[in-house]
Amino acid sequence: MSNENPDISALSFEAALAELETIVARLERGDVPLEESIAIYERGEVLKGRCDVLLKSAEEKVEKIRSNADGEATSTEPME
């Protein structure tokens, strides 16, 4: 991949989401050539997967630090 398209596995959630939003905006405008549309759509799918993985990881961390009214950690129950 070129410098314009960094390795997705190295992107932070914010960077992956920003790039995904850019891709969506470009596709919605409809002025991207077909071959490029396919390429950026495929990258968008991988970016979406990266965001999903990072969100899941964040949810798991939050589950581990749930606390009671006194601020003491009380459980590892899933968030609702």
N, C-alpha and C. Protein backbone atom coordinates (compact mmCIF):
# COMPACT_ATOMS: atom_id res chain seq x y z
N MET A 1 0.83 -1.18 0.00
CA MET A 1 0.00 0.00 0.00
C MET A 1 0.87 1.24 0.00
N SER A 2 0.37 2.32 -0.54
CA SER A 2 1.12 3.57 -0.60
C SER A 2 1.00 4.32 0.71
N ASN A 3 1.74 5.41 0.81
CA ASN A 3 1.68 6.24 2.00
C ASN A 3 0.30 6.86 2.18
N GLU A 4 -0.44 7.00 1.08
CA GLU A 4 -1.79 7.55 1.17
C GLU A 4 -2.75 6.57 1.83
N ASN A 5 -2.44 5.29 1.80
CA ASN A 5 -3.28 4.25 2.38
C ASN A 5 -2.47 3.46 3.40
N PRO A 6 -2.36 3.98 4.62
CA PRO A 6 -1.57 3.27 5.63
C PRO A 6 -2.19 1.92 5.97
N ASP A 7 -1.37 1.05 6.52
CA ASP A 7 -1.81 -0.27 6.95
C ASP A 7 -2.96 -0.12 7.94
N ILE A 8 -4.07 -0.71 7.62
CA ILE A 8 -5.27 -0.57 8.45
C ILE A 8 -5.07 -1.12 9.85
N SER A 9 -4.31 -2.20 9.99
CA SER A 9 -4.12 -2.80 11.31
C SER A 9 -3.35 -1.89 12.26
N ALA A 10 -2.71 -0.85 11.73
CA ALA A 10 -1.95 0.09 12.57
C ALA A 10 -2.77 1.34 12.90
N LEU A 11 -3.96 1.48 12.33
CA LEU A 11 -4.75 2.69 12.54
C LEU A 11 -5.47 2.68 13.89
N SER A 12 -5.56 3.84 14.49
CA SER A 12 -6.38 4.00 15.69
C SER A 12 -7.85 3.98 15.26
N PHE A 13 -8.74 3.87 16.22
CA PHE A 13 -10.17 3.89 15.91
C PHE A 13 -10.53 5.20 15.21
N GLU A 14 -10.04 6.31 15.75
CA GLU A 14 -10.37 7.61 15.20
C GLU A 14 -9.88 7.76 13.76
N ALA A 15 -8.67 7.30 13.49
CA ALA A 15 -8.11 7.40 12.15
C ALA A 15 -8.88 6.51 11.17
N ALA A 16 -9.21 5.29 11.60
CA ALA A 16 -9.95 4.37 10.74
C ALA A 16 -11.34 4.93 10.45
N LEU A 17 -12.00 5.48 11.46
CA LEU A 17 -13.33 6.03 11.28
C LEU A 17 -13.30 7.25 10.36
N ALA A 18 -12.31 8.11 10.53
CA ALA A 18 -12.20 9.29 9.67
C ALA A 18 -12.01 8.88 8.21
N GLU A 19 -11.15 7.89 7.98
CA GLU A 19 -10.94 7.44 6.60
C GLU A 19 -12.20 6.80 6.04
N LEU A 20 -12.90 6.03 6.86
CA LEU A 20 -14.14 5.40 6.43
C LEU A 20 -15.18 6.46 6.07
N GLU A 21 -15.28 7.51 6.87
CA GLU A 21 -16.23 8.59 6.58
C GLU A 21 -15.87 9.28 5.26
N THR A 22 -14.59 9.44 4.98
CA THR A 22 -14.16 10.04 3.72
C THR A 22 -14.56 9.16 2.54
N ILE A 23 -14.37 7.86 2.69
CA ILE A 23 -14.74 6.93 1.64
C ILE A 23 -16.24 6.98 1.38
N VAL A 24 -17.03 6.97 2.43
CA VAL A 24 -18.49 7.01 2.28
C VAL A 24 -18.90 8.29 1.56
N ALA A 25 -18.32 9.41 1.94
CA ALA A 25 -18.66 10.68 1.30
C ALA A 25 -18.31 10.65 -0.19
N ARG A 26 -17.16 10.10 -0.52
CA ARG A 26 -16.76 10.02 -1.94
C ARG A 26 -17.72 9.13 -2.72
N LEU A 27 -18.09 7.99 -2.15
CA LEU A 27 -19.00 7.09 -2.84
C LEU A 27 -20.39 7.70 -2.99
N GLU A 28 -20.84 8.43 -1.98
CA GLU A 28 -22.15 9.06 -2.04
C GLU A 28 -22.22 10.15 -3.09
N ARG A 29 -21.11 10.85 -3.33
CA ARG A 29 -21.08 11.88 -4.38
C ARG A 29 -21.30 11.27 -5.75
N GLY A 30 -20.82 10.05 -5.93
CA GLY A 30 -21.03 9.35 -7.19
C GLY A 30 -20.13 9.79 -8.33
N ASP A 31 -19.08 10.53 -8.05
CA ASP A 31 -18.21 11.00 -9.12
C ASP A 31 -16.87 10.27 -9.17
N VAL A 32 -16.82 9.10 -8.57
CA VAL A 32 -15.60 8.30 -8.55
C VAL A 32 -15.70 7.25 -9.65
N PRO A 33 -14.65 7.09 -10.47
CA PRO A 33 -14.68 6.07 -11.51
C PRO A 33 -14.95 4.67 -10.92
N LEU A 34 -15.56 3.82 -11.71
CA LEU A 34 -15.99 2.50 -11.25
C LEU A 34 -14.87 1.71 -10.58
N GLU A 35 -13.73 1.58 -11.23
CA GLU A 35 -12.63 0.79 -10.66
C GLU A 35 -12.18 1.34 -9.32
N GLU A 36 -12.09 2.66 -9.22
CA GLU A 36 -11.69 3.28 -7.95
C GLU A 36 -12.77 3.09 -6.90
N SER A 37 -14.03 3.16 -7.31
CA SER A 37 -15.15 2.94 -6.39
C SER A 37 -15.05 1.56 -5.76
N ILE A 38 -14.75 0.57 -6.58
CA ILE A 38 -14.63 -0.80 -6.07
C ILE A 38 -13.48 -0.90 -5.09
N ALA A 39 -12.34 -0.31 -5.43
CA ALA A 39 -11.16 -0.37 -4.58
C ALA A 39 -11.41 0.32 -3.24
N ILE A 40 -12.02 1.52 -3.28
CA ILE A 40 -12.22 2.21 -2.00
C ILE A 40 -13.36 1.57 -1.20
N TYR A 41 -14.33 0.97 -1.88
CA TYR A 41 -15.37 0.23 -1.16
C TYR A 41 -14.75 -0.94 -0.40
N GLU A 42 -13.86 -1.67 -1.06
CA GLU A 42 -13.19 -2.80 -0.41
C GLU A 42 -12.38 -2.32 0.80
N ARG A 43 -11.67 -1.21 0.64
CA ARG A 43 -10.91 -0.67 1.77
C ARG A 43 -11.86 -0.25 2.89
N GLY A 44 -12.99 0.32 2.52
CA GLY A 44 -13.99 0.71 3.51
C GLY A 44 -14.49 -0.47 4.32
N GLU A 45 -14.69 -1.60 3.67
CA GLU A 45 -15.12 -2.81 4.38
C GLU A 45 -14.07 -3.24 5.42
N VAL A 46 -12.80 -3.17 5.05
CA VAL A 46 -11.73 -3.54 5.97
C VAL A 46 -11.64 -2.52 7.10
N LEU A 47 -11.81 -1.24 6.79
CA LEU A 47 -11.81 -0.20 7.82
C LEU A 47 -12.96 -0.42 8.81
N LYS A 48 -14.12 -0.78 8.29
CA LYS A 48 -15.28 -1.06 9.16
C LYS A 48 -14.94 -2.21 10.11
N GLY A 49 -14.31 -3.24 9.58
CA GLY A 49 -13.90 -4.36 10.43
C GLY A 49 -12.93 -3.93 11.51
N ARG A 50 -11.98 -3.06 11.16
CA ARG A 50 -11.02 -2.55 12.14
C ARG A 50 -11.74 -1.78 13.24
N CYS A 51 -12.69 -0.93 12.87
CA CYS A 51 -13.47 -0.18 13.86
C CYS A 51 -14.24 -1.13 14.77
N ASP A 52 -14.84 -2.17 14.20
CA ASP A 52 -15.59 -3.15 14.99
C ASP A 52 -14.70 -3.83 16.02
N VAL A 53 -13.49 -4.23 15.60
CA VAL A 53 -12.55 -4.89 16.51
C VAL A 53 -12.16 -3.95 17.64
N LEU A 54 -11.85 -2.71 17.31
CA LEU A 54 -11.43 -1.76 18.34
C LEU A 54 -12.57 -1.42 19.30
N LEU A 55 -13.80 -1.33 18.79
CA LEU A 55 -14.95 -1.08 19.67
C LEU A 55 -15.18 -2.26 20.61
N LYS A 56 -15.08 -3.45 20.09
CA LYS A 56 -15.25 -4.65 20.92
C LYS A 56 -14.20 -4.67 22.03
N SER A 57 -12.98 -4.34 21.70
CA SER A 57 -11.91 -4.30 22.69
C SER A 57 -12.20 -3.26 23.77
N ALA A 58 -12.69 -2.10 23.36
CA ALA A 58 -13.02 -1.05 24.32
C ALA A 58 -14.16 -1.49 25.23
N GLU A 59 -15.17 -2.16 24.67
CA GLU A 59 -16.29 -2.66 25.47
C GLU A 59 -15.81 -3.66 26.51
N GLU A 60 -14.89 -4.54 26.12
CA GLU A 60 -14.35 -5.52 27.05
C GLU A 60 -13.59 -4.84 28.18
N LYS A 61 -12.87 -3.78 27.89
CA LYS A 61 -12.14 -3.05 28.93
C LYS A 61 -13.11 -2.39 29.90
N VAL A 62 -14.19 -1.81 29.36
CA VAL A 62 -15.19 -1.16 30.22
C VAL A 62 -15.85 -2.19 31.12
N GLU A 63 -16.14 -3.36 30.58
CA GLU A 63 -16.75 -4.42 31.39
C GLU A 63 -15.87 -4.76 32.58
N LYS A 64 -14.57 -4.72 32.40
CA LYS A 64 -13.64 -5.08 33.47
C LYS A 64 -13.57 -4.02 34.57
N ILE A 65 -13.96 -2.80 34.27
CA ILE A 65 -13.81 -1.74 35.27
C ILE A 65 -15.14 -1.16 35.75
N ARG A 66 -16.21 -1.88 35.57
CA ARG A 66 -17.50 -1.41 36.09
C ARG A 66 -17.38 -1.16 37.58
N SER A 67 -18.04 -0.12 38.07
CA SER A 67 -17.90 0.22 39.49
C SER A 67 -19.25 0.53 40.12
N ASN A 68 -19.25 0.57 41.47
CA ASN A 68 -20.47 0.90 42.20
C ASN A 68 -20.53 2.40 42.45
N ALA A 69 -21.52 2.86 43.22
CA ALA A 69 -21.72 4.29 43.47
C ALA A 69 -20.53 4.91 44.21
N ASP A 70 -19.77 4.12 44.96
CA ASP A 70 -18.61 4.63 45.68
C ASP A 70 -17.36 4.65 44.81
N GLY A 71 -17.49 4.23 43.57
CA GLY A 71 -16.36 4.23 42.68
C GLY A 71 -15.49 3.00 42.77
N GLU A 72 -15.93 2.01 43.53
CA GLU A 72 -15.16 0.77 43.65
C GLU A 72 -15.58 -0.19 42.57
N ALA A 73 -14.62 -0.88 41.99
CA ALA A 73 -14.92 -1.88 40.97
C ALA A 73 -15.73 -2.98 41.61
N THR A 74 -16.84 -3.37 40.94
CA THR A 74 -17.72 -4.37 41.53
C THR A 74 -17.95 -5.59 40.68
N SER A 75 -17.80 -5.48 39.37
CA SER A 75 -18.15 -6.62 38.54
C SER A 75 -17.50 -6.54 37.18
N THR A 76 -17.71 -7.60 36.44
CA THR A 76 -17.27 -7.61 35.03
C THR A 76 -18.46 -7.93 34.14
N GLU A 77 -19.63 -7.50 34.54
CA GLU A 77 -20.83 -7.76 33.75
C GLU A 77 -20.80 -6.97 32.47
N PRO A 78 -21.36 -7.54 31.40
CA PRO A 78 -21.40 -6.82 30.12
C PRO A 78 -22.20 -5.52 30.25
N MET A 79 -21.82 -4.52 29.48
CA MET A 79 -22.58 -3.27 29.44
C MET A 79 -23.89 -3.52 28.74
N GLU A 80 -24.91 -2.78 29.11
CA GLU A 80 -26.22 -2.91 28.46
C GLU A 80 -26.45 -1.77 27.53
